[in-house]
Amino acid sequence: MIHLKNLEKKYVDDGETTNALRDVSFEIKKGEFVAIMGPSGSGKSTLLHILSFLDRPTNGEYVFNGKSISELTDKEMAHIRNKEMGFVFQSFNLLSRLSVFENVSMPLMYSLDITIAKRKHLVEKAVASVGLTEKLYAEAGKLSGGQKQRVAIARALVNDPDVIFADEPTGNLDSKSGAQVMEILHDLHEDGHTIILVTHETYTSEFANRLIHIKDGLVESDEPIKKTRKARSEFFK
């Protein structure tokens, strides 16, 4: 699904060049659950932005589902983001005065071939998958933090994307809500979804099956995660 080869990202500010990513190469197959970790300033957020088509690399190759980012226009990238990628952010990024239904339906607004009835079905299905059917028409701003993140996951799912990017999804949550969110992501992976998680929390990363560690813009390690931790229900205690 994802192929990176010798990827680089440089930023120039007042004549100073910062190498945010250097010679990054790896592949991610369909159905994997990959965690990307690293300290602040390591380049993990820059990497996520490139993987999710929110930014372009300075050099190197990035191929997503057989499409090279270097050959895509900004409009084509936006289309792929909407149709083939789902996003879960630390800050939820919900419109607080809109209902859960309206927030989750946002990615479908540009799908002119979807009928109103089909849209309603897709939204209801996505909301049910995160256990919030009873909140379908509740105002998003009045939900708890954990509920807001579950709405964000439903929004990421509604288009049935090829990959879900989760950027510090438990960062603004208490431990119980964080556990619920990670349980949902784990179950989505069990159902066959590809998940790419960016986190600084070791216990969160261990829900993944593979860990890529970034430091100073370089891939420091890339290895499978050994499943030696306690049951997930005990994990956030």
Protein backbone atom coordinates (compact mmCIF):
# COMPACT_ATOMS: atom_id res chain seq x y z
CA MET A 1 0.00 0.00 0.00
CA ILE A 2 2.73 2.49 1.00
CA HIS A 3 6.26 2.56 -0.38
CA LEU A 4 8.87 5.13 0.70
CA LYS A 5 12.36 5.26 -0.73
CA ASN A 6 15.08 7.71 0.34
CA LEU A 7 12.46 10.24 1.45
CA GLU A 8 13.69 13.67 2.53
CA LYS A 9 11.99 16.81 3.80
CA LYS A 10 13.87 20.08 4.21
CA TYR A 11 12.66 23.42 5.53
CA VAL A 12 14.47 26.69 4.84
CA ASP A 13 13.95 29.64 7.18
CA ASP A 14 16.08 32.80 7.01
CA GLY A 15 18.72 30.91 5.08
CA GLU A 16 18.85 28.12 7.67
CA THR A 17 18.09 24.61 6.37
CA THR A 18 16.46 22.06 8.66
CA ASN A 19 16.47 18.40 7.63
CA ALA A 20 13.18 17.20 9.11
CA LEU A 21 13.41 13.81 7.38
CA ARG A 22 16.52 12.13 5.99
CA ASP A 23 16.75 9.04 3.79
CA VAL A 24 13.53 7.44 5.09
CA SER A 25 12.69 4.12 3.42
CA PHE A 26 10.07 1.53 4.39
CA GLU A 27 6.89 -0.18 3.20
CA ILE A 28 3.51 -0.62 4.85
CA LYS A 29 1.26 -3.42 3.65
CA LYS A 30 -2.51 -3.39 3.57
CA GLY A 31 -3.97 -4.51 6.90
CA GLU A 32 -0.99 -3.58 9.08
CA PHE A 33 -1.26 -1.63 12.35
CA VAL A 34 1.88 0.50 12.51
CA ALA A 35 2.91 2.85 15.32
CA ILE A 36 5.35 5.68 14.63
CA MET A 37 7.17 7.02 17.70
CA GLY A 38 9.86 9.55 18.42
CA PRO A 39 10.70 12.49 20.68
CA SER A 40 9.52 16.04 19.97
CA GLY A 41 11.24 17.35 16.86
CA SER A 42 12.12 13.87 15.65
CA GLY A 43 10.21 14.25 12.38
CA LYS A 44 7.29 11.92 13.13
CA SER A 45 4.65 14.63 12.54
CA THR A 46 6.35 15.67 9.31
CA LEU A 47 6.34 12.04 8.22
CA LEU A 48 2.64 11.71 9.02
CA HIS A 49 1.84 14.85 7.02
CA ILE A 50 3.63 13.43 3.99
CA LEU A 51 2.09 9.97 4.35
CA SER A 52 -1.39 11.52 4.55
CA PHE A 53 -0.87 13.83 1.54
CA LEU A 54 -0.93 16.99 3.66
CA ASP A 55 2.60 17.83 2.52
CA ARG A 56 5.07 16.81 -0.17
CA PRO A 57 8.61 15.50 0.30
CA THR A 58 11.58 17.55 -0.85
CA ASN A 59 13.29 14.51 -2.37
CA GLY A 60 12.75 10.79 -2.63
CA GLU A 61 9.86 8.58 -3.66
CA TYR A 62 6.45 8.04 -2.09
CA VAL A 63 4.03 5.65 -3.77
CA PHE A 64 0.54 5.18 -2.31
CA ASN A 65 -1.67 2.45 -3.79
CA GLY A 66 0.43 2.49 -6.94
CA LYS A 67 0.31 6.29 -7.32
CA SER A 68 3.51 8.33 -7.02
CA ILE A 69 2.99 11.58 -5.13
CA SER A 70 5.39 13.33 -7.52
CA GLU A 71 2.96 12.71 -10.39
CA LEU A 72 -0.16 13.99 -8.62
CA THR A 73 -1.62 17.49 -8.71
CA ASP A 74 -2.83 19.13 -5.50
CA LYS A 75 -6.41 18.49 -6.63
CA GLU A 76 -5.70 14.79 -7.18
CA MET A 77 -4.05 14.56 -3.75
CA ALA A 78 -7.10 16.15 -2.13
CA HIS A 79 -9.35 13.65 -3.90
CA ILE A 80 -7.28 10.70 -2.61
CA ARG A 81 -7.28 12.16 0.92
CA ASN A 82 -11.07 12.32 0.85
CA LYS A 83 -11.73 8.94 -0.74
CA GLU A 84 -8.91 6.68 0.42
CA MET A 85 -7.75 8.11 3.77
CA GLY A 86 -9.37 8.68 7.15
CA PHE A 87 -8.03 10.95 9.89
CA VAL A 88 -8.23 10.98 13.68
CA PHE A 89 -6.58 13.95 15.38
CA GLN A 90 -5.58 14.66 18.98
CA SER A 91 -7.81 17.76 19.04
CA PHE A 92 -10.83 15.94 17.50
CA ASN A 93 -11.38 18.70 14.84
CA LEU A 94 -15.17 18.53 15.16
CA LEU A 95 -17.58 21.37 14.47
CA SER A 96 -18.96 21.81 17.97
CA ARG A 97 -22.33 23.34 17.05
CA LEU A 98 -23.17 20.62 14.54
CA SER A 99 -24.64 17.27 15.47
CA VAL A 100 -22.75 14.00 15.51
CA PHE A 101 -24.59 13.04 12.32
CA GLU A 102 -23.53 16.25 10.55
CA ASN A 103 -19.89 15.92 11.64
CA VAL A 104 -19.60 12.30 10.54
CA SER A 105 -21.25 13.04 7.19
CA MET A 106 -18.66 15.72 6.30
CA PRO A 107 -16.40 13.46 4.17
CA LEU A 108 -19.45 12.47 2.10
CA MET A 109 -20.32 16.05 1.12
CA TYR A 110 -18.23 15.86 -2.04
CA SER A 111 -19.59 12.47 -3.10
CA LEU A 112 -22.27 13.61 -5.52
CA ASP A 113 -23.08 10.04 -6.52
CA ILE A 114 -24.28 9.12 -3.01
CA THR A 115 -28.00 9.49 -2.39
CA ILE A 116 -29.40 11.04 0.79
CA ALA A 117 -30.63 7.61 1.90
CA LYS A 118 -27.23 6.03 1.28
CA ARG A 119 -25.48 8.86 3.14
CA LYS A 120 -27.77 8.36 6.12
CA HIS A 121 -27.06 4.61 6.11
CA LEU A 122 -23.28 5.12 5.96
CA VAL A 123 -23.30 7.67 8.79
CA GLU A 124 -25.51 5.52 11.01
CA LYS A 125 -23.30 2.49 10.38
CA ALA A 126 -20.10 4.42 11.23
CA VAL A 127 -21.58 5.91 14.39
CA ALA A 128 -22.89 2.51 15.50
CA SER A 129 -19.41 1.01 15.03
CA VAL A 130 -18.06 3.32 17.77
CA GLY A 131 -21.03 2.74 20.08
CA LEU A 132 -22.66 6.16 19.86
CA THR A 133 -25.98 5.49 18.14
CA GLU A 134 -27.87 7.15 21.00
CA LYS A 135 -25.83 10.36 20.41
CA LEU A 136 -26.46 10.50 16.65
CA TYR A 137 -28.25 13.86 16.75
CA ALA A 138 -26.56 15.28 19.84
CA GLU A 139 -24.55 18.48 19.52
CA ALA A 140 -20.88 17.52 19.20
CA GLY A 141 -19.69 20.30 21.50
CA LYS A 142 -21.68 18.85 24.41
CA LEU A 143 -20.02 15.43 24.31
CA SER A 144 -17.23 14.23 26.58
CA GLY A 145 -13.67 14.10 25.26
CA GLY A 146 -13.82 10.34 24.77
CA GLN A 147 -17.12 10.59 22.92
CA LYS A 148 -15.73 13.34 20.68
CA GLN A 149 -12.80 11.14 19.71
CA ARG A 150 -15.15 8.26 18.95
CA VAL A 151 -17.12 10.61 16.68
CA ALA A 152 -13.84 11.52 14.99
CA ILE A 153 -13.16 7.81 14.40
CA ALA A 154 -16.65 7.38 12.94
CA ARG A 155 -15.98 10.31 10.61
CA ALA A 156 -12.69 8.70 9.55
CA LEU A 157 -14.53 5.45 8.80
CA VAL A 158 -17.56 6.74 6.92
CA ASN A 159 -15.88 6.66 3.49
CA ASP A 160 -14.49 3.15 4.10
CA PRO A 161 -10.91 4.42 3.56
CA ASP A 162 -7.93 2.26 2.68
CA VAL A 163 -5.95 3.61 5.64
CA ILE A 164 -6.72 5.45 8.89
CA PHE A 165 -4.14 7.92 10.22
CA ALA A 166 -4.39 8.50 13.98
CA ASP A 167 -2.30 11.41 15.28
CA GLU A 168 -1.90 11.19 19.09
CA PRO A 169 -5.56 10.07 19.39
CA THR A 170 -5.41 9.63 23.19
CA GLY A 171 -3.39 12.78 23.91
CA ASN A 172 -6.34 14.82 25.20
CA LEU A 173 -8.15 11.97 26.97
CA ASP A 174 -8.19 10.46 30.43
CA SER A 175 -6.94 6.90 30.76
CA LYS A 176 -10.39 5.29 30.61
CA SER A 177 -11.42 7.20 27.48
CA GLY A 178 -8.01 6.56 25.95
CA ALA A 179 -8.46 2.83 26.51
CA GLN A 180 -11.86 2.92 24.80
CA VAL A 181 -10.42 4.72 21.79
CA MET A 182 -7.52 2.30 21.47
CA GLU A 183 -9.90 -0.65 21.80
CA ILE A 184 -11.88 0.72 18.85
CA LEU A 185 -8.74 1.15 16.74
CA HIS A 186 -7.63 -2.36 17.70
CA ASP A 187 -11.01 -3.79 16.67
CA LEU A 188 -10.90 -1.87 13.36
CA HIS A 189 -7.52 -3.44 12.67
CA GLU A 190 -8.92 -6.87 13.54
CA ASP A 191 -11.63 -6.20 10.94
CA GLY A 192 -8.95 -5.63 8.29
CA HIS A 193 -8.36 -1.86 8.36
CA THR A 194 -4.87 -0.44 7.93
CA ILE A 195 -3.97 1.83 10.86
CA ILE A 196 -1.01 4.21 11.10
CA LEU A 197 -0.68 5.63 14.61
CA VAL A 198 1.62 8.48 15.63
CA THR A 199 2.17 8.56 19.39
CA HIS A 200 4.71 9.39 22.08
CA GLU A 201 3.12 6.92 24.52
CA THR A 202 4.70 3.48 24.72
CA TYR A 203 1.57 1.82 26.12
CA THR A 204 -0.51 3.21 23.24
CA SER A 205 2.00 2.06 20.62
CA GLU A 206 1.77 -1.51 21.92
CA PHE A 207 -1.70 -1.85 20.45
CA ALA A 208 0.07 -1.91 17.07
CA ASN A 209 1.85 -4.87 15.52
CA ARG A 210 4.87 -2.93 14.30
CA LEU A 211 6.87 0.01 15.66
CA ILE A 212 8.84 2.51 13.58
CA HIS A 213 10.99 4.75 15.77
CA ILE A 214 12.10 8.11 14.34
CA LYS A 215 14.95 10.20 15.73
CA ASP A 216 16.55 13.32 14.20
CA GLY A 217 14.67 12.68 10.95
CA LEU A 218 16.02 9.15 10.56
CA VAL A 219 14.40 5.75 11.01
CA GLU A 220 16.21 4.50 14.08
CA SER A 221 14.42 1.15 14.22
CA ASP A 222 11.59 -0.72 12.51
CA GLU A 223 10.49 -3.96 14.09
CA PRO A 224 7.46 -6.04 15.09
CA ILE A 225 5.97 -5.53 18.53
CA LYS A 226 6.05 -8.55 20.80
CA LYS A 227 2.63 -9.17 22.33
CA THR A 228 3.80 -9.67 25.91
CA ARG A 229 1.69 -6.99 27.60
CA LYS A 230 -1.29 -7.58 29.85
CA ALA A 231 -4.85 -7.84 28.62
CA ARG A 232 -5.97 -4.60 26.98
CA SER A 233 -8.64 -4.10 29.64
CA GLU A 234 -5.87 -3.74 32.24
CA PHE A 235 -3.56 -1.73 30.10
CA PHE A 236 -4.60 1.80 31.02
CA LYS A 237 -5.05 1.25 34.75
